[in-house]
Protein backbone atom coordinates (compact mmCIF):
# COMPACT_ATOMS: atom_id res chain seq x y z
CA MET A 1 -41.51 -2.50 -40.81
CA ALA A 2 -41.77 -5.25 -43.33
CA ARG A 3 -43.31 -8.69 -43.10
CA GLY A 4 -40.93 -11.37 -41.87
CA GLN A 5 -38.75 -8.91 -40.05
CA ILE A 6 -37.23 -9.99 -36.75
CA ILE A 7 -37.03 -7.63 -33.80
CA ILE A 8 -34.71 -8.42 -30.93
CA ALA A 9 -36.02 -6.60 -27.88
CA PRO A 10 -35.82 -7.10 -24.14
CA ASP A 11 -38.87 -8.50 -22.43
CA HIS A 12 -39.69 -5.33 -20.50
CA LEU A 13 -40.25 -3.44 -23.78
CA VAL A 14 -42.77 -5.96 -25.15
CA LYS A 15 -44.48 -7.15 -22.00
CA SER A 16 -48.06 -6.45 -22.83
CA PHE A 17 -50.11 -9.08 -24.60
CA ILE A 18 -51.57 -6.49 -26.97
CA THR A 19 -48.13 -5.37 -28.17
CA LYS A 20 -47.06 -8.97 -28.76
CA MET A 21 -50.26 -9.75 -30.68
CA PHE A 22 -49.91 -6.60 -32.78
CA TYR A 23 -46.40 -7.49 -33.90
CA LYS A 24 -47.45 -11.10 -34.55
CA SER A 25 -50.44 -9.98 -36.65
CA ILE A 26 -48.29 -7.91 -38.99
CA GLY A 27 -45.76 -10.73 -39.35
CA ILE A 28 -42.94 -9.45 -37.22
CA GLU A 29 -41.24 -11.93 -34.95
CA ILE A 30 -40.01 -10.73 -31.58
CA ARG A 31 -37.04 -12.50 -30.07
CA MET A 32 -35.38 -12.02 -26.74
CA PRO A 33 -31.71 -10.98 -26.72
CA LEU A 34 -29.11 -13.66 -26.26
CA PRO A 35 -27.94 -14.22 -22.66
CA GLU A 36 -24.45 -12.86 -23.36
CA ASN A 37 -26.01 -9.56 -24.38
CA LYS A 38 -27.72 -9.36 -21.00
CA PRO A 39 -26.47 -6.35 -19.05
CA HIS A 40 -24.23 -7.10 -16.10
CA GLU A 41 -25.65 -6.40 -12.69
CA ASN A 42 -22.22 -6.13 -11.14
CA LEU A 43 -19.58 -4.36 -13.22
CA THR A 44 -16.72 -5.82 -11.19
CA ASP A 45 -17.32 -9.10 -13.04
CA LEU A 46 -16.00 -7.40 -16.15
CA LEU A 47 -12.93 -6.01 -14.38
CA ILE A 48 -11.82 -9.15 -12.54
CA GLU A 49 -9.36 -11.20 -14.51
CA GLU A 50 -7.58 -14.36 -13.54
CA PRO A 51 -3.89 -13.71 -12.87
CA THR A 52 -1.62 -15.02 -15.57
CA VAL A 53 1.81 -16.56 -15.17
CA LYS A 54 3.33 -13.21 -16.10
CA ASP A 55 1.31 -11.48 -13.36
CA ASP A 56 2.52 -14.03 -10.80
CA GLN A 57 6.12 -13.50 -11.90
CA ILE A 58 5.76 -9.73 -11.67
CA GLU A 59 4.30 -10.05 -8.17
CA SER A 60 7.11 -12.31 -6.98
CA LEU A 61 9.75 -10.00 -8.48
CA GLN A 62 8.09 -7.02 -6.81
CA LYS A 63 8.23 -8.79 -3.43
CA LYS A 64 11.92 -9.62 -3.96
CA LEU A 65 12.62 -5.99 -4.90
CA ASP A 66 10.85 -4.73 -1.77
CA TYR A 67 12.84 -7.18 0.35
CA GLU A 68 16.12 -6.01 -1.22
CA ARG A 69 15.25 -2.35 -0.69
CA ASP A 70 14.43 -2.98 2.97
CA ALA A 71 17.64 -4.97 3.44
CA ARG A 72 19.73 -2.18 1.90
CA LEU A 73 18.10 0.48 4.07
CA GLU A 74 18.68 -1.61 7.19
CA GLU A 75 22.28 -2.18 6.17
CA ARG A 76 22.85 1.54 5.63
CA PHE A 77 21.37 2.33 9.02
CA ILE A 78 23.64 -0.23 10.70
CA TYR A 79 26.69 1.31 8.98
CA ILE A 80 25.65 4.77 10.19
CA VAL A 81 25.20 3.52 13.77
CA VAL A 82 28.60 1.79 13.72
CA LEU A 83 30.21 5.01 12.41
CA VAL A 84 28.50 7.01 15.16
CA ILE A 85 29.76 4.58 17.80
CA LEU A 86 33.31 4.82 16.46
CA LEU A 87 33.12 8.62 16.48
CA ASP A 88 31.74 8.48 20.02
CA VAL A 89 34.77 6.52 21.18
CA VAL A 90 37.04 9.18 19.72
CA PHE A 91 35.05 12.14 21.09
CA PHE A 92 34.54 10.58 24.53
CA SER A 93 38.29 10.07 24.92
CA ILE A 94 38.92 13.73 24.03
CA MET A 95 36.19 15.30 26.21
CA PRO A 96 37.35 15.84 29.79
CA SER A 97 33.96 16.42 31.43
CA PHE A 98 30.91 14.23 31.82
CA GLY A 99 28.43 16.75 30.36
CA GLY A 100 29.95 16.76 26.86
CA PRO A 101 29.38 13.06 26.10
CA ILE A 102 25.82 13.20 27.47
CA SER A 103 24.92 16.19 25.29
CA LEU A 104 26.56 14.50 22.31
CA LEU A 105 24.50 11.33 22.91
CA ILE A 106 21.26 13.35 23.09
CA LEU A 107 22.16 15.15 19.87
CA GLU A 108 22.93 11.84 18.17
CA LEU A 109 19.62 10.37 19.32
CA LEU A 110 17.79 13.40 17.93
CA ILE A 111 19.42 12.67 14.58
CA LEU A 112 19.16 8.86 14.65
CA ILE A 113 15.42 8.68 15.52
CA PRO A 114 14.15 10.42 12.33
CA LEU A 115 16.80 8.60 10.32
CA ALA A 116 15.59 5.24 11.64
CA LYS A 117 11.98 6.12 10.81
CA ARG A 118 12.94 7.24 7.31
CA MET A 119 14.86 4.02 6.67
CA GLY A 120 11.91 1.87 7.75
CA MET A 121 13.32 0.76 11.09
CA GLU A 122 10.31 1.59 13.26
CA GLU A 123 11.33 -0.75 16.09
CA ILE A 124 14.72 0.92 16.42
CA ALA A 125 13.08 4.35 16.27
CA THR A 126 10.74 3.48 19.16
CA ILE A 127 13.64 2.09 21.22
CA LEU A 128 15.74 5.21 20.59
CA ASP A 129 12.75 7.40 21.42
CA LYS A 130 12.28 5.58 24.75
CA VAL A 131 15.98 5.99 25.55
CA LEU A 132 15.79 9.71 24.78
CA ASN A 133 12.68 10.10 26.95
CA ARG A 134 14.36 8.23 29.78
CA VAL A 135 17.49 10.39 29.59
CA ALA A 136 15.36 13.54 29.44
CA GLY A 137 13.21 12.24 32.30
CA ASN A 138 16.25 11.58 34.48
CA SER A 139 17.58 15.07 33.90
CA LYS A 140 14.20 16.59 34.82
CA ASP A 141 14.14 14.63 38.07
CA ARG A 142 17.55 16.04 39.10
CA ASP A 143 16.77 19.72 38.41
CA PRO A 144 14.23 20.51 41.22
């Protein structure tokens, strides 16, 4: 090391008085690193960024897209239910006995419950599940 040289070192490397005096005696100046070179204690400070206008727009568009998707799925489910009801009217008028429509309703509920869950209509799925359990419960009570 030459005279007049500057060493930038953290304090923990040059803590002892003897080390500081040695470097000072041979003409080497020891400086502490600048604060911005100080290591971060928490790395999340580096990862957190303030949201920009573009980020806010993307978030609002994403919310609108999610709303539209949910609305379309609900609409499709309503169309399917209306179609099932119309087919029920036709089939119920054709079937002469009472057992045929009941079995058809149970079959339809078995199809509509998973369909409602898949289309994001959890409330409807729970209602249909309760109806199916009630119908199945009533038939169990009559058998014994």
